[in-house]
Amino acid sequence: MDVPVQQVIRPTTVAEALAVLAGRPDSRPIAGGTDLMVQLRDGRKRVSCVVDLGGLGLAGIRQIDGGVEIGASTRMDSIAADDGVRRHFPALAAAAGTVGAWPIQCRATLGGNLANASPAADTAPALLVAEALLTVVSAAGTRRLSVVDFFLGPGRSALAPGELLVSVFLPLVQIPPDCRLVERFVKTGPRLEQVISVVSLAGRAAVRTDGALESVRLALGSVAPTPVRAQRAETVVTGRRPDPVARREAVQALQHDIAPIDDVRAPARYRRIAAAVLLDRFLQEAARV
């Protein structure tokens, strides 16, 4: 593959990687490379030096106080198969299992999926409903930010030059004892596999014994310049049973939460319809739980 890279640097510590990135404005970090290599090949990005993050020990999933921490270099196949993620954050496990085909999932990393800042990033809606916190490091120190503040626009994230995303923290869900949790991720596209999302949706809700929904979280991808929380739709259904009236009102509210565009993959009108269908199906499933 012909790409315009002249040098590959393989640091063994985070500090070494940060020093290289700070001292080489022409450098770019690389993990799985499933996005960056395509962008370099197509000329959408041009860098002369890549910094391989594979030797930094940033992969792994572990339970810590109050939640689950996933290293930025953790592969999608590992996330999809992890028992703890599947049990506590099923939307993220499902999303990780839809990132391209299986060979892509064996290379693509959680950090890369986020740092690429695509509105169609499969893991983003699941992390939004999980209200994930991201840990970012630089030569100046460490900071933590909410995933909702991470995406700034297509291809633009809150990562400053010289910063690295090192981990993602998912706080465990606290629900009332009389509730059951339903959480799902689904996406739509022209094929069943290896497809960039035309629309994706992650939903989470606590279902009370009377069927009413609490702690509703809804997020979508590919329907706005960034992955978005559907807060108007959340408000409509919170405290209500997802009957046909509530679902219809939620779908109407959803149209004000999203701002899709026409592009080569789908027209905006299709995205609005697809988003409505995915939301209605999630609420119907919540009604059956």
Protein backbone atom coordinates (compact mmCIF):
# COMPACT_ATOMS: atom_id res chain seq x y z
CA MET A 1 0.00 0.00 0.00
CA ASP A 2 1.52 3.33 -1.06
CA VAL A 3 1.20 5.86 1.78
CA PRO A 4 3.22 9.07 2.31
CA VAL A 5 4.85 7.97 5.60
CA GLN A 6 8.60 8.37 5.87
CA GLN A 7 9.16 7.26 9.46
CA VAL A 8 7.53 4.96 12.02
CA ILE A 9 8.44 5.52 15.67
CA ARG A 10 7.62 2.83 18.24
CA PRO A 11 7.82 4.28 21.76
CA THR A 12 7.71 1.96 24.77
CA THR A 13 6.22 4.40 27.30
CA VAL A 14 3.44 6.97 27.22
CA ALA A 15 5.92 9.68 28.19
CA GLU A 16 8.12 8.82 25.22
CA ALA A 17 5.14 8.88 22.87
CA LEU A 18 4.03 12.27 24.18
CA ALA A 19 7.55 13.66 23.72
CA VAL A 20 7.62 12.53 20.10
CA LEU A 21 4.16 13.96 19.37
CA ALA A 22 5.09 17.27 21.01
CA GLY A 23 8.37 17.52 19.13
CA ARG A 24 7.13 16.37 15.73
CA PRO A 25 4.21 18.45 14.40
CA ASP A 26 4.25 16.21 11.31
CA SER A 27 3.54 13.09 13.39
CA ARG A 28 0.28 11.25 14.03
CA PRO A 29 -0.45 8.45 16.51
CA ILE A 30 -1.58 5.12 15.11
CA ALA A 31 -3.09 2.10 16.86
CA GLY A 32 -5.08 -0.36 14.74
CA GLY A 33 -4.73 1.82 11.66
CA THR A 34 -8.07 0.77 10.16
CA ASP A 35 -9.11 4.40 9.65
CA LEU A 36 -5.80 6.23 9.39
CA MET A 37 -4.21 3.96 6.79
CA VAL A 38 -7.19 4.36 4.48
CA GLN A 39 -7.11 8.14 4.93
CA LEU A 40 -3.37 8.24 4.17
CA ARG A 41 -3.77 6.04 1.12
CA ASP A 42 -6.60 8.19 -0.24
CA GLY A 43 -4.76 11.44 0.44
CA ARG A 44 -7.32 12.73 2.93
CA LYS A 45 -4.55 13.02 5.53
CA ARG A 46 -0.86 13.63 5.00
CA VAL A 47 1.73 12.93 7.68
CA SER A 48 5.38 12.01 7.32
CA CYS A 49 5.73 10.27 10.70
CA VAL A 50 3.44 7.88 12.57
CA VAL A 51 3.82 7.01 16.25
CA ASP A 52 2.88 3.37 16.87
CA LEU A 53 1.01 3.08 20.20
CA GLY A 54 1.11 -0.71 20.25
CA GLY A 55 3.91 -0.97 22.80
CA LEU A 56 2.44 1.33 25.44
CA GLY A 57 0.30 -1.19 27.30
CA LEU A 58 -2.91 0.71 26.71
CA ALA A 59 -5.04 -2.36 25.96
CA GLY A 60 -7.18 -4.14 28.51
CA ILE A 61 -10.52 -4.17 30.30
CA ARG A 62 -10.77 -4.10 34.08
CA GLN A 63 -13.39 -3.47 36.72
CA ILE A 64 -12.48 -0.69 39.13
CA ASP A 65 -14.43 1.09 41.83
CA GLY A 66 -17.76 2.15 40.41
CA GLY A 67 -17.29 1.02 36.86
CA VAL A 68 -15.32 -0.55 34.04
CA GLU A 69 -12.18 0.94 32.52
CA ILE A 70 -11.22 0.11 28.94
CA GLY A 71 -7.79 0.97 27.60
CA ALA A 72 -7.75 3.04 24.43
CA SER A 73 -5.81 0.38 22.50
CA THR A 74 -8.30 -2.38 23.32
CA ARG A 75 -9.49 -4.12 20.15
CA MET A 76 -13.13 -4.28 19.20
CA ASP A 77 -13.23 -8.07 19.24
CA SER A 78 -12.04 -8.05 22.86
CA ILE A 79 -14.72 -5.54 23.86
CA ALA A 80 -17.46 -7.48 22.07
CA ALA A 81 -16.46 -10.73 23.82
CA ASP A 82 -15.80 -9.41 27.33
CA ASP A 83 -18.24 -10.83 29.89
CA GLY A 84 -18.24 -7.69 32.03
CA VAL A 85 -18.93 -5.39 29.10
CA ARG A 86 -21.64 -7.71 27.77
CA ARG A 87 -23.32 -7.84 31.18
CA HIS A 88 -23.11 -4.18 32.23
CA PHE A 89 -22.85 -2.36 28.87
CA PRO A 90 -24.50 -4.55 26.24
CA ALA A 91 -24.92 -1.66 23.80
CA LEU A 92 -21.15 -1.15 23.67
CA ALA A 93 -20.52 -4.88 23.24
CA ALA A 94 -23.00 -4.95 20.36
CA ALA A 95 -21.54 -1.83 18.77
CA ALA A 96 -17.99 -3.19 18.95
CA GLY A 97 -19.22 -6.33 17.22
CA THR A 98 -20.49 -4.32 14.24
CA VAL A 99 -17.32 -2.32 13.45
CA GLY A 100 -16.57 -3.59 9.97
CA ALA A 101 -16.07 -7.32 9.49
CA TRP A 102 -14.39 -9.57 12.02
CA PRO A 103 -10.84 -9.02 10.68
CA ILE A 104 -11.35 -5.26 11.15
CA GLN A 105 -12.59 -5.85 14.71
CA CYS A 106 -9.35 -7.70 15.43
CA ARG A 107 -7.37 -4.54 14.54
CA ALA A 108 -9.62 -1.54 15.24
CA THR A 109 -9.30 0.03 18.70
CA LEU A 110 -11.74 1.88 20.91
CA GLY A 111 -9.45 4.92 21.09
CA GLY A 112 -9.08 5.06 17.33
CA ASN A 113 -12.82 4.79 16.78
CA LEU A 114 -13.28 7.84 19.01
CA ALA A 115 -10.24 9.89 18.00
CA ASN A 116 -11.21 9.66 14.34
CA ALA A 117 -14.27 11.70 15.39
CA SER A 118 -16.56 10.36 12.69
CA PRO A 119 -20.28 11.14 13.13
CA ALA A 120 -20.80 7.47 12.20
CA ALA A 121 -18.46 6.02 14.86
CA ASP A 122 -20.23 2.86 16.00
CA THR A 123 -19.10 2.96 19.62
CA ALA A 124 -20.02 6.62 20.17
CA PRO A 125 -23.80 6.26 20.74
CA ALA A 126 -23.20 3.39 23.18
CA LEU A 127 -20.65 5.46 25.10
CA LEU A 128 -23.02 8.43 25.14
CA VAL A 129 -25.81 6.43 26.79
CA ALA A 130 -23.24 5.02 29.22
CA GLU A 131 -22.16 8.60 30.03
CA ALA A 132 -18.54 7.56 29.64
CA LEU A 133 -15.57 9.58 30.83
CA LEU A 134 -12.39 9.79 28.76
CA THR A 135 -8.90 10.12 30.20
CA VAL A 136 -6.51 12.21 28.08
CA VAL A 137 -2.83 12.79 28.76
CA SER A 138 -0.23 15.22 27.45
CA ALA A 139 3.14 16.54 28.51
CA ALA A 140 1.22 19.09 30.61
CA GLY A 141 -0.64 16.45 32.61
CA THR A 142 -3.86 14.43 32.69
CA ARG A 143 -7.45 15.53 32.23
CA ARG A 144 -10.79 13.75 32.15
CA LEU A 145 -13.71 14.81 30.01
CA SER A 146 -17.18 13.56 29.27
CA VAL A 147 -17.69 11.78 25.96
CA VAL A 148 -20.46 14.27 25.18
CA ASP A 149 -17.81 17.04 25.11
CA PHE A 150 -15.32 15.05 23.05
CA PHE A 151 -16.87 15.37 19.59
CA LEU A 152 -16.66 18.85 18.07
CA GLY A 153 -17.53 18.20 14.42
CA PRO A 154 -16.84 15.82 11.55
CA GLY A 155 -13.25 14.68 12.03
CA ARG A 156 -12.73 17.11 14.93
CA SER A 157 -12.38 16.11 18.56
CA ALA A 158 -11.44 17.84 21.81
CA LEU A 159 -7.95 16.30 21.63
CA ALA A 160 -5.39 19.09 21.51
CA PRO A 161 -2.11 18.71 19.58
CA GLY A 162 0.21 16.43 21.54
CA GLU A 163 -2.58 14.77 23.54
CA LEU A 164 -3.38 11.06 23.70
CA LEU A 165 -6.60 9.34 24.68
CA VAL A 166 -5.49 6.57 27.04
CA SER A 167 -8.67 5.09 28.57
CA VAL A 168 -12.45 5.15 28.75
CA PHE A 169 -14.31 4.81 32.06
CA LEU A 170 -17.88 3.47 32.09
CA PRO A 171 -19.73 4.11 35.36
CA LEU A 172 -21.89 1.21 36.49
CA VAL A 173 -25.62 1.79 36.15
CA GLN A 174 -27.51 2.45 39.37
CA ILE A 175 -31.19 1.57 38.98
CA PRO A 176 -33.98 1.26 41.58
CA PRO A 177 -34.52 -2.26 42.91
CA ASP A 178 -38.00 -2.45 41.38
CA CYS A 179 -36.70 -1.75 37.86
CA ARG A 180 -35.15 -3.83 35.11
CA LEU A 181 -32.60 -2.42 32.69
CA VAL A 182 -32.96 -2.63 28.92
CA GLU A 183 -30.07 -1.48 26.76
CA ARG A 184 -29.59 -2.03 23.03
CA PHE A 185 -27.52 -0.88 20.05
CA VAL A 186 -28.64 -1.17 16.44
CA LYS A 187 -27.57 0.36 13.16
CA THR A 188 -28.84 0.39 9.62
CA GLY A 189 -27.08 0.45 6.28
CA PRO A 190 -27.18 -1.02 2.77
CA ARG A 191 -25.59 -4.31 3.93
CA LEU A 192 -25.80 -6.48 7.01
CA GLU A 193 -22.03 -6.49 7.62
CA GLN A 194 -18.96 -4.36 7.04
CA VAL A 195 -21.00 -1.20 6.57
CA ILE A 196 -20.59 2.40 7.69
CA SER A 197 -23.72 3.30 9.61
CA VAL A 198 -26.40 5.23 7.77
CA VAL A 199 -28.12 5.61 11.13
CA SER A 200 -27.23 4.06 14.48
CA LEU A 201 -29.02 4.18 17.81
CA ALA A 202 -28.14 3.18 21.35
CA GLY A 203 -30.85 3.15 23.97
CA ARG A 204 -30.94 2.55 27.70
CA ALA A 205 -33.92 2.65 30.07
CA ALA A 206 -34.90 1.35 33.47
CA VAL A 207 -38.34 -0.26 33.22
CA ARG A 208 -40.49 -0.07 36.35
CA THR A 209 -42.87 -2.83 37.37
CA ASP A 210 -45.77 -0.73 36.05
CA GLY A 211 -44.03 -0.49 32.65
CA ALA A 212 -43.02 3.17 32.93
CA LEU A 213 -39.49 4.16 31.90
CA GLU A 214 -36.90 5.88 34.07
CA SER A 215 -33.30 6.96 33.48
CA VAL A 216 -33.86 7.01 29.71
CA ARG A 217 -30.76 7.58 27.59
CA LEU A 218 -30.92 7.74 23.79
CA ALA A 219 -28.06 8.50 21.41
CA LEU A 220 -27.64 8.36 17.65
CA GLY A 221 -24.88 8.38 15.07
CA SER A 222 -24.79 9.55 11.44
CA VAL A 223 -27.65 12.00 11.94
CA ALA A 224 -25.76 15.19 12.88
CA PRO A 225 -22.24 16.66 12.62
CA THR A 226 -21.38 14.65 15.75
CA PRO A 227 -22.90 11.66 17.54
CA VAL A 228 -25.72 13.12 19.64
CA ARG A 229 -27.89 12.47 22.66
CA ALA A 230 -31.61 12.70 21.84
CA GLN A 231 -32.51 14.65 24.95
CA ARG A 232 -35.89 15.90 23.77
CA ALA A 233 -37.01 12.38 23.01
CA GLU A 234 -35.63 11.21 26.37
CA THR A 235 -37.71 13.81 28.19
CA VAL A 236 -40.88 12.81 26.37
CA VAL A 237 -40.80 9.15 27.44
CA THR A 238 -39.27 9.46 30.91
CA GLY A 239 -41.84 8.56 33.53
CA ARG A 240 -44.27 7.15 30.98
CA ARG A 241 -45.15 3.75 29.61
CA PRO A 242 -43.96 3.48 25.98
CA ASP A 243 -47.46 3.06 24.59
CA PRO A 244 -48.31 4.14 21.01
CA VAL A 245 -49.01 7.74 22.05
CA ALA A 246 -45.74 8.11 23.97
CA ARG A 247 -43.78 6.48 21.16
CA ARG A 248 -45.32 8.78 18.56
CA GLU A 249 -44.51 11.86 20.64
CA ALA A 250 -40.96 10.63 21.19
CA VAL A 251 -40.45 10.13 17.46
CA GLN A 252 -41.72 13.65 16.83
CA ALA A 253 -39.38 15.06 19.46
CA LEU A 254 -36.48 13.10 17.99
CA GLN A 255 -36.73 15.08 14.76
CA HIS A 256 -35.63 18.17 16.73
CA ASP A 257 -32.67 16.31 18.27
CA ILE A 258 -31.06 15.41 14.94
CA ALA A 259 -29.81 17.32 11.91
CA PRO A 260 -29.02 14.83 9.13
CA ILE A 261 -27.65 15.80 5.73
CA ASP A 262 -27.77 14.37 2.24
CA ASP A 263 -24.57 12.53 1.33
CA VAL A 264 -23.37 9.64 -0.83
CA ARG A 265 -24.70 7.04 1.61
CA ALA A 266 -28.24 8.34 2.16
CA PRO A 267 -30.48 11.42 1.87
CA ALA A 268 -31.42 13.32 5.01
CA ARG A 269 -35.08 12.34 4.65
CA TYR A 270 -34.19 8.64 4.76
CA ARG A 271 -32.07 9.19 7.87
CA ARG A 272 -34.96 10.91 9.64
CA ILE A 273 -37.29 8.02 8.82
CA ALA A 274 -34.72 5.39 9.80
CA ALA A 275 -33.97 7.14 13.10
CA ALA A 276 -37.69 7.23 13.88
CA VAL A 277 -38.07 3.52 13.11
CA LEU A 278 -35.08 2.53 15.26
CA LEU A 279 -36.34 4.58 18.19
CA ASP A 280 -39.85 3.21 17.92
CA ARG A 281 -38.52 -0.36 17.84
CA PHE A 282 -36.37 0.23 20.91
CA LEU A 283 -39.32 1.65 22.83
CA GLN A 284 -41.52 -1.25 21.76
CA GLU A 285 -38.91 -3.66 23.06
CA ALA A 286 -38.72 -1.73 26.33
CA ALA A 287 -42.50 -2.10 26.62
CA ARG A 288 -42.12 -5.90 26.42
CA VAL A 289 -39.36 -6.23 29.02
